[in-house]
Amino acid sequence: MRAASAGDANARSVFARTYLPPIRAYLGHRWSNSNQSHAIDDAVQDVFVECMKPNGVLDHADPARGDFRALLYGVVRNIARRFEKLAARPSHLQPAQSVYLDELPAQHEALSRVFDGAWARSLLREAVLRHARAARRGDDDSRRRYRILRLRHQKGLPIREISAHLDESDVDAVHNAYRRGRREFREYLREVVAQHTGAASDSLDAECRRVTELLGS
């Protein structure tokens, strides 16, 4: 976060790749049935400006003091309200008379679920990318384990079919490679979750389970 706010290109790329999907998902869901959908790109840009400007959100974010996800959610919500307030001006409505699109409890809960689910998928995607890069840099066994993991989770193939697909007769060996690949992926997920939530090592497994649970949101 500090590197992104200071202008580091790689850090900003990781930040945008991780947080663009939940930001767009939230705004798209919030404005799906309104005339504000045309403003999504501008609102996304404003969110990133608020985050990365000098003395902005990233400069004040402290992962050790709490979950950045909640902080970002508040920023996106405030930006959305700002756009809705501006949209109300031509009709001469005062802000107090305007009904914001998240004021109903059910709508607020739905928006929160959309944001959380997209956020969790972004963290999972980042962990997959790190695992893939490590596999490409690794030896043949590393690449084999990563391929087995992809066939199991992305293609939904059972281990026996994966063995046949890879033309390997030792099903137990494939199963062992799969288990090791899962352990490797969990380490990358722990690394990503730690960076984006500030979770301490003793609570990191619980945060990873929380991310996995949010995938169903």
Protein backbone atom coordinates (compact mmCIF):
# COMPACT_ATOMS: atom_id res chain seq x y z
CA MET A 1 0.00 0.00 0.00
CA ARG A 2 2.81 2.41 0.88
CA ALA A 3 4.62 1.60 -2.37
CA ALA A 4 1.44 2.10 -4.42
CA SER A 5 0.74 5.47 -2.81
CA ALA A 6 4.36 6.49 -3.46
CA GLY A 7 3.97 5.77 -7.18
CA ASP A 8 5.67 2.38 -7.49
CA ALA A 9 4.43 1.03 -10.83
CA ASN A 10 4.48 -2.65 -9.85
CA ALA A 11 2.70 -2.00 -6.55
CA ARG A 12 0.05 0.09 -8.30
CA SER A 13 -0.45 -2.68 -10.85
CA VAL A 14 -1.01 -5.25 -8.09
CA PHE A 15 -3.31 -2.87 -6.24
CA ALA A 16 -5.41 -2.15 -9.33
CA ARG A 17 -5.53 -5.82 -10.35
CA THR A 18 -6.72 -6.82 -6.89
CA TYR A 19 -9.23 -4.09 -6.14
CA LEU A 20 -10.68 -3.11 -9.52
CA PRO A 21 -13.03 -6.15 -9.67
CA PRO A 22 -14.76 -5.54 -6.29
CA ILE A 23 -15.03 -1.80 -6.98
CA ARG A 24 -16.66 -2.38 -10.39
CA ALA A 25 -18.86 -5.17 -9.03
CA TYR A 26 -20.18 -2.93 -6.25
CA LEU A 27 -20.89 0.03 -8.53
CA GLY A 28 -22.36 -2.16 -11.26
CA HIS A 29 -24.76 -3.80 -8.82
CA ARG A 30 -25.63 -0.53 -7.08
CA TRP A 31 -26.44 1.23 -10.33
CA SER A 32 -27.80 -1.70 -12.33
CA ASN A 33 -31.34 -0.29 -12.35
CA SER A 34 -30.54 3.42 -12.39
CA ASN A 35 -29.36 6.02 -14.87
CA GLN A 36 -25.98 6.11 -13.13
CA SER A 37 -24.51 3.09 -14.93
CA HIS A 38 -22.79 5.39 -17.44
CA ALA A 39 -20.75 6.86 -14.57
CA ILE A 40 -19.11 3.63 -13.43
CA ASP A 41 -15.77 4.27 -15.14
CA ASP A 42 -15.56 7.81 -13.75
CA ALA A 43 -16.46 6.60 -10.26
CA VAL A 44 -13.82 3.85 -10.41
CA GLN A 45 -11.25 6.46 -11.41
CA ASP A 46 -12.27 8.67 -8.49
CA VAL A 47 -11.87 5.76 -6.07
CA PHE A 48 -8.32 5.11 -7.24
CA VAL A 49 -7.52 8.84 -7.05
CA GLU A 50 -8.77 8.93 -3.45
CA CYS A 51 -6.63 5.91 -2.64
CA MET A 52 -3.38 6.92 -4.34
CA LYS A 53 -3.26 10.71 -4.06
CA PRO A 54 -0.76 12.29 -1.64
CA ASN A 55 -2.09 12.04 1.89
CA GLY A 56 -4.86 9.83 0.54
CA VAL A 57 -6.42 6.59 1.75
CA LEU A 58 -3.34 4.44 1.20
CA ASP A 59 -1.14 6.83 3.16
CA HIS A 60 -3.46 6.51 6.14
CA ALA A 61 -4.20 2.80 5.83
CA ASP A 62 -2.57 0.65 8.49
CA PRO A 63 -3.11 -3.09 7.94
CA ALA A 64 -2.06 -3.77 11.54
CA ARG A 65 -5.07 -1.74 12.75
CA GLY A 66 -7.74 -3.38 10.65
CA ASP A 67 -8.95 -4.82 7.38
CA PHE A 68 -8.31 -2.60 4.34
CA ARG A 69 -11.33 -4.21 2.67
CA ALA A 70 -13.67 -2.42 5.07
CA LEU A 71 -11.86 0.88 4.54
CA LEU A 72 -12.05 0.55 0.76
CA TYR A 73 -15.72 -0.39 0.97
CA GLY A 74 -16.38 2.88 2.78
CA VAL A 75 -14.47 4.85 0.13
CA VAL A 76 -16.41 3.24 -2.74
CA ARG A 77 -19.70 3.84 -0.97
CA ASN A 78 -18.89 7.51 -0.37
CA ILE A 79 -17.84 8.02 -4.01
CA ALA A 80 -21.09 6.40 -5.17
CA ARG A 81 -23.10 8.69 -2.92
CA ARG A 82 -21.20 11.69 -4.26
CA PHE A 83 -22.19 10.78 -7.82
CA GLU A 84 -25.81 10.23 -6.78
CA LYS A 85 -25.87 13.61 -5.05
CA LEU A 86 -24.56 15.29 -8.21
CA ALA A 87 -27.12 13.45 -10.34
CA ALA A 88 -29.92 14.80 -8.14
CA ARG A 89 -29.01 18.45 -8.73
CA PRO A 90 -30.72 18.94 -12.12
CA SER A 91 -34.03 17.90 -10.58
CA HIS A 92 -33.54 20.51 -7.81
CA LEU A 93 -33.62 17.94 -5.05
CA GLN A 94 -31.81 18.77 -1.86
CA PRO A 95 -29.46 16.09 -0.53
CA ALA A 96 -31.73 15.51 2.46
CA GLN A 97 -34.60 14.75 0.10
CA SER A 98 -32.62 12.33 -2.03
CA VAL A 99 -32.87 8.61 -1.41
CA TYR A 100 -29.44 7.05 -1.73
CA LEU A 101 -29.38 3.63 -3.28
CA ASP A 102 -27.94 1.89 -0.21
CA GLU A 103 -30.23 3.25 2.49
CA LEU A 104 -32.56 0.24 2.61
CA PRO A 105 -31.02 -2.46 4.87
CA ALA A 106 -31.66 -5.25 2.36
CA GLN A 107 -29.97 -3.28 -0.43
CA HIS A 108 -27.01 -2.41 1.79
CA GLU A 109 -26.57 -6.09 2.69
CA ALA A 110 -26.76 -7.13 -0.97
CA LEU A 111 -24.16 -4.52 -1.97
CA SER A 112 -21.87 -5.66 0.83
CA ARG A 113 -22.13 -9.29 -0.32
CA VAL A 114 -21.35 -8.33 -3.92
CA PHE A 115 -18.29 -6.36 -2.85
CA ASP A 116 -17.03 -9.03 -0.44
CA GLY A 117 -17.46 -11.83 -2.97
CA ALA A 118 -15.59 -9.93 -5.68
CA TRP A 119 -12.87 -8.97 -3.17
CA ALA A 120 -12.39 -12.61 -2.16
CA ARG A 121 -12.19 -13.73 -5.80
CA SER A 122 -9.56 -11.07 -6.45
CA LEU A 123 -7.38 -12.33 -3.59
CA LEU A 124 -7.81 -15.89 -4.79
CA ARG A 125 -6.87 -14.83 -8.33
CA GLU A 126 -3.74 -13.08 -7.04
CA ALA A 127 -2.73 -16.24 -5.18
CA VAL A 128 -3.26 -18.31 -8.34
CA LEU A 129 -1.09 -15.89 -10.35
CA ARG A 130 1.71 -16.13 -7.80
CA HIS A 131 1.49 -19.91 -7.77
CA ALA A 132 1.56 -19.99 -11.58
CA ARG A 133 4.63 -17.75 -11.74
CA ALA A 134 6.44 -19.90 -9.19
CA ALA A 135 5.55 -23.06 -11.14
CA ARG A 136 6.89 -21.58 -14.38
CA ARG A 137 10.16 -20.72 -12.65
CA GLY A 138 10.36 -24.11 -10.93
CA ASP A 139 11.31 -27.58 -12.09
CA ASP A 140 9.22 -30.13 -13.97
CA ASP A 141 7.69 -31.46 -10.75
CA SER A 142 6.53 -27.96 -9.76
CA ARG A 143 4.87 -27.44 -13.13
CA ARG A 144 3.30 -30.92 -12.93
CA ARG A 145 1.82 -30.21 -9.49
CA TYR A 146 0.40 -26.90 -10.67
CA ARG A 147 -1.11 -28.54 -13.75
CA ILE A 148 -2.72 -31.27 -11.63
CA LEU A 149 -4.18 -28.63 -9.33
CA ARG A 150 -5.64 -26.72 -12.30
CA LEU A 151 -7.17 -29.86 -13.78
CA ARG A 152 -8.71 -30.72 -10.43
CA HIS A 153 -10.16 -27.30 -9.55
CA GLN A 154 -10.61 -25.48 -12.86
CA LYS A 155 -11.71 -28.44 -14.94
CA GLY A 156 -13.33 -30.38 -12.09
CA LEU A 157 -11.65 -33.64 -13.06
CA PRO A 158 -11.30 -36.40 -10.44
CA ILE A 159 -7.80 -37.67 -9.72
CA ARG A 160 -8.26 -40.89 -11.68
CA GLU A 161 -9.25 -38.95 -14.82
CA ILE A 162 -6.34 -36.58 -14.31
CA SER A 163 -4.00 -39.57 -14.18
CA ALA A 164 -5.39 -40.80 -17.48
CA HIS A 165 -5.23 -37.31 -18.97
CA LEU A 166 -1.54 -37.06 -18.03
CA ASP A 167 -0.93 -40.66 -19.16
CA GLU A 168 0.28 -41.61 -15.68
CA SER A 169 -0.53 -45.07 -14.35
CA ASP A 170 0.32 -44.37 -10.70
CA VAL A 171 -2.87 -42.78 -9.38
CA ASP A 172 -1.49 -42.58 -5.84
CA ALA A 173 1.51 -40.56 -7.08
CA VAL A 174 -0.84 -38.12 -8.81
CA HIS A 175 -2.90 -37.86 -5.64
CA ASN A 176 0.21 -37.12 -3.59
CA ALA A 177 1.27 -34.47 -6.10
CA TYR A 178 -2.19 -32.93 -5.86
CA ARG A 179 -2.02 -32.76 -2.06
CA ARG A 180 1.41 -31.15 -2.22
CA GLY A 181 0.15 -28.68 -4.83
CA ARG A 182 -2.74 -27.73 -2.54
CA ARG A 183 -0.34 -27.09 0.33
CA GLU A 184 1.78 -24.88 -1.93
CA PHE A 185 -1.29 -22.92 -3.03
CA ARG A 186 -2.42 -22.41 0.56
CA GLU A 187 0.95 -20.79 1.31
CA TYR A 188 0.49 -18.34 -1.57
CA LEU A 189 -3.04 -17.60 -0.39
CA ARG A 190 -1.76 -17.00 3.14
CA GLU A 191 0.86 -14.62 1.72
CA VAL A 192 -1.74 -12.65 -0.26
CA VAL A 193 -4.26 -12.53 2.59
CA ALA A 194 -1.56 -11.36 5.01
CA GLN A 195 -0.56 -8.54 2.68
CA HIS A 196 -4.11 -7.35 2.06
CA THR A 197 -5.63 -7.77 5.53
CA GLY A 198 -2.68 -7.31 7.86
CA ALA A 199 -3.71 -10.50 9.68
CA ALA A 200 -1.20 -11.74 12.23
CA SER A 201 0.27 -15.20 11.78
CA ASP A 202 -1.90 -16.69 14.54
CA SER A 203 -5.11 -15.50 12.84
CA LEU A 204 -4.06 -15.98 9.23
CA ASP A 205 -5.69 -19.39 8.79
CA ALA A 206 -8.98 -17.97 10.05
CA GLU A 207 -8.71 -15.06 7.57
CA CYS A 208 -8.04 -17.51 4.73
CA ARG A 209 -11.14 -19.48 5.70
CA ARG A 210 -13.09 -16.21 5.74
CA VAL A 211 -11.92 -15.42 2.20
CA THR A 212 -12.96 -18.90 1.07
CA GLU A 213 -16.38 -18.50 2.69
CA LEU A 214 -16.87 -15.12 0.99
CA LEU A 215 -16.46 -16.80 -2.40
CA GLY A 216 -20.01 -18.00 -1.98
CA SER A 217 -21.31 -14.43 -1.52
